[in-house]
Amino acid sequence: MANISRYGPFDFTVEPFDDLFRGFFRPVRATNSEAVVQIKMDVKEDEQGYTVHADVPGVKKEDIHVTIDGNQVSLSAEVKRETGNKDGEKLLRSERYFGKAYRSFTLGNDIDDAAAEAKYHDGVLELRLPKKAAASAKRLEIH
């Protein structure tokens, strides 16, 4: 798909010849050997609370950490690289990610962290986060 942009002949905020040769050259990107991996997730809400499904494939459940602070939820996971090379074996190419991934988000209501549940199955972390009961307002009598 072509990128179409509007060109104004009297727009002198940029040099008119900056983009002249842009289409002739292939863009070069500096790559980092460690890719940045995001924890992808779905968040659903109902009257009782929130349900979160987060994809964290290839991670042992001992290496996943969930922290709840009021209405803020933080997920972190660590994928460890296997270093076991057999004799006479050498690594030709490695594209699998290893390292730490972190995700934090804020929900609309405070979470009852005592009743929260977490399950991990087939690379998907499922969190059930019940809403904290709203504190009822107390009316003070003036004496």
Protein backbone atom coordinates (compact mmCIF):
# COMPACT_ATOMS: atom_id res chain seq x y z
CA MET A 1 0.00 0.00 0.00
CA ALA A 2 1.39 3.37 -0.98
CA ASN A 3 1.71 6.18 1.52
CA ILE A 4 -0.03 9.20 0.05
CA SER A 5 0.71 12.58 1.52
CA ARG A 6 -0.47 16.03 0.56
CA TYR A 7 2.23 18.35 -0.73
CA GLY A 8 1.84 22.08 -0.39
CA PRO A 9 4.08 24.04 -2.80
CA PHE A 10 4.34 26.96 -0.38
CA ASP A 11 5.04 24.84 2.70
CA PHE A 12 8.62 25.70 3.58
CA THR A 13 8.72 24.03 7.00
CA VAL A 14 10.65 21.15 5.42
CA GLU A 15 13.17 21.08 2.63
CA PRO A 16 11.45 20.36 -0.70
CA PHE A 17 14.17 17.88 -1.74
CA ASP A 18 14.23 15.85 1.50
CA ASP A 19 11.91 13.19 0.12
CA LEU A 20 13.23 13.23 -3.45
CA PHE A 21 15.30 10.06 -3.20
CA ARG A 22 13.45 8.40 -0.33
CA GLY A 23 11.65 5.91 -2.57
CA PHE A 24 14.88 4.80 -4.24
CA PHE A 25 16.62 3.59 -1.12
CA ARG A 26 15.72 0.75 1.16
CA PRO A 27 15.30 1.87 4.78
CA VAL A 28 18.00 0.62 7.11
CA ARG A 29 17.14 -0.16 10.69
CA ALA A 30 19.55 -0.85 13.48
CA THR A 31 18.41 -4.02 15.18
CA ASN A 32 18.99 -5.06 18.72
CA SER A 33 19.87 -8.68 19.36
CA GLU A 34 17.21 -8.85 22.07
CA ALA A 35 13.73 -8.26 20.73
CA VAL A 36 11.19 -6.41 22.82
CA VAL A 37 8.28 -8.66 23.66
CA GLN A 38 4.99 -7.39 24.89
CA ILE A 39 2.58 -9.35 27.00
CA LYS A 40 -0.59 -9.30 24.92
CA MET A 41 -3.87 -9.53 26.78
CA ASP A 42 -7.64 -9.22 26.77
CA VAL A 43 -9.47 -7.55 29.65
CA LYS A 44 -13.20 -8.11 30.23
CA GLU A 45 -15.46 -6.53 32.83
CA ASP A 46 -18.78 -7.54 34.41
CA GLU A 47 -20.63 -6.49 37.57
CA GLN A 48 -18.52 -8.69 39.85
CA GLY A 49 -15.07 -7.89 38.51
CA TYR A 50 -12.54 -8.20 35.71
CA THR A 51 -11.17 -11.16 33.78
CA VAL A 52 -7.74 -10.89 32.18
CA HIS A 53 -6.27 -13.35 29.67
CA ALA A 54 -2.57 -12.68 29.05
CA ASP A 55 -0.38 -14.54 26.55
CA VAL A 56 2.93 -15.54 28.13
CA PRO A 57 4.10 -18.56 26.11
CA GLY A 58 7.23 -20.46 27.01
CA VAL A 59 7.30 -19.20 30.60
CA LYS A 60 7.20 -21.41 33.68
CA LYS A 61 4.50 -20.42 36.14
CA GLU A 62 7.17 -19.88 38.80
CA ASP A 63 8.63 -17.11 36.63
CA ILE A 64 5.37 -15.13 36.36
CA HIS A 65 4.66 -12.46 38.96
CA VAL A 66 1.39 -10.57 39.44
CA THR A 67 1.12 -7.54 41.72
CA ILE A 68 -2.14 -5.77 42.65
CA ASP A 69 -2.10 -2.33 44.24
CA GLY A 70 -5.57 -0.77 44.48
CA ASN A 71 -6.73 -0.57 40.87
CA GLN A 72 -3.29 -1.07 39.30
CA VAL A 73 -2.25 -4.53 38.11
CA SER A 74 1.33 -5.37 37.12
CA LEU A 75 2.46 -8.51 35.30
CA SER A 76 6.06 -9.57 34.83
CA ALA A 77 7.47 -12.72 33.27
CA GLU A 78 10.96 -14.00 32.60
CA VAL A 79 11.92 -16.35 29.80
CA LYS A 80 15.23 -18.04 30.51
CA ARG A 81 17.56 -19.10 27.73
CA GLU A 82 18.57 -22.74 27.57
CA THR A 83 22.35 -23.03 27.55
CA GLY A 84 22.69 -26.77 27.11
CA ASN A 85 24.73 -27.40 23.96
CA LYS A 86 25.65 -30.97 23.25
CA ASP A 87 29.15 -31.94 22.17
CA GLY A 88 29.81 -31.13 18.53
CA GLU A 89 26.66 -29.02 18.27
CA LYS A 90 26.68 -25.33 17.45
CA LEU A 91 23.88 -22.79 17.25
CA LEU A 92 23.34 -21.53 13.72
CA ARG A 93 20.42 -19.16 14.28
CA SER A 94 18.45 -18.07 17.33
CA GLU A 95 15.16 -16.21 16.96
CA ARG A 96 13.49 -17.20 20.19
CA TYR A 97 13.09 -14.45 22.76
CA PHE A 98 14.60 -14.61 26.19
CA GLY A 99 14.57 -11.97 28.88
CA LYS A 100 11.99 -10.13 30.95
CA ALA A 101 8.63 -8.78 29.86
CA TYR A 102 6.59 -6.35 31.94
CA ARG A 103 3.08 -4.94 31.63
CA SER A 104 1.15 -2.68 33.98
CA PHE A 105 -2.36 -1.29 33.61
CA THR A 106 -5.00 0.54 35.62
CA LEU A 107 -8.61 -0.60 36.00
CA GLY A 108 -11.68 1.51 36.74
CA ASN A 109 -12.32 0.06 40.22
CA ASP A 110 -10.16 -1.10 43.10
CA ILE A 111 -9.48 -4.84 43.18
CA ASP A 112 -10.20 -7.11 46.13
CA ASP A 113 -6.72 -8.64 46.21
CA ALA A 114 -7.67 -11.18 48.90
CA ALA A 115 -10.21 -12.81 46.55
CA ALA A 116 -8.20 -12.51 43.31
CA GLU A 117 -7.29 -15.74 41.51
CA ALA A 118 -4.65 -16.62 38.91
CA LYS A 119 -4.44 -19.72 36.69
CA TYR A 120 -1.81 -20.59 34.08
CA HIS A 121 -2.51 -23.15 31.37
CA ASP A 122 -1.05 -23.66 27.86
CA GLY A 123 0.81 -20.34 27.81
CA VAL A 124 -2.21 -18.24 28.87
CA LEU A 125 -2.42 -16.57 32.26
CA GLU A 126 -6.01 -16.08 33.44
CA LEU A 127 -6.67 -13.58 36.22
CA ARG A 128 -10.02 -13.21 37.96
CA LEU A 129 -10.01 -9.86 39.71
CA PRO A 130 -13.14 -9.15 41.76
CA LYS A 131 -14.08 -5.55 42.39
CA LYS A 132 -13.72 -4.30 45.92
CA ALA A 133 -17.02 -3.48 47.55
CA ALA A 134 -17.50 0.26 47.63
CA ALA A 135 -17.29 1.67 51.11
CA SER A 136 -20.65 3.05 52.09
CA ALA A 137 -20.75 6.72 52.91
CA LYS A 138 -21.40 7.54 56.51
CA ARG A 139 -23.37 10.60 57.47
CA LEU A 140 -22.08 12.48 60.45
CA GLU A 141 -24.41 14.27 62.78
CA ILE A 142 -23.47 17.77 63.70
CA HIS A 143 -23.76 18.54 67.41
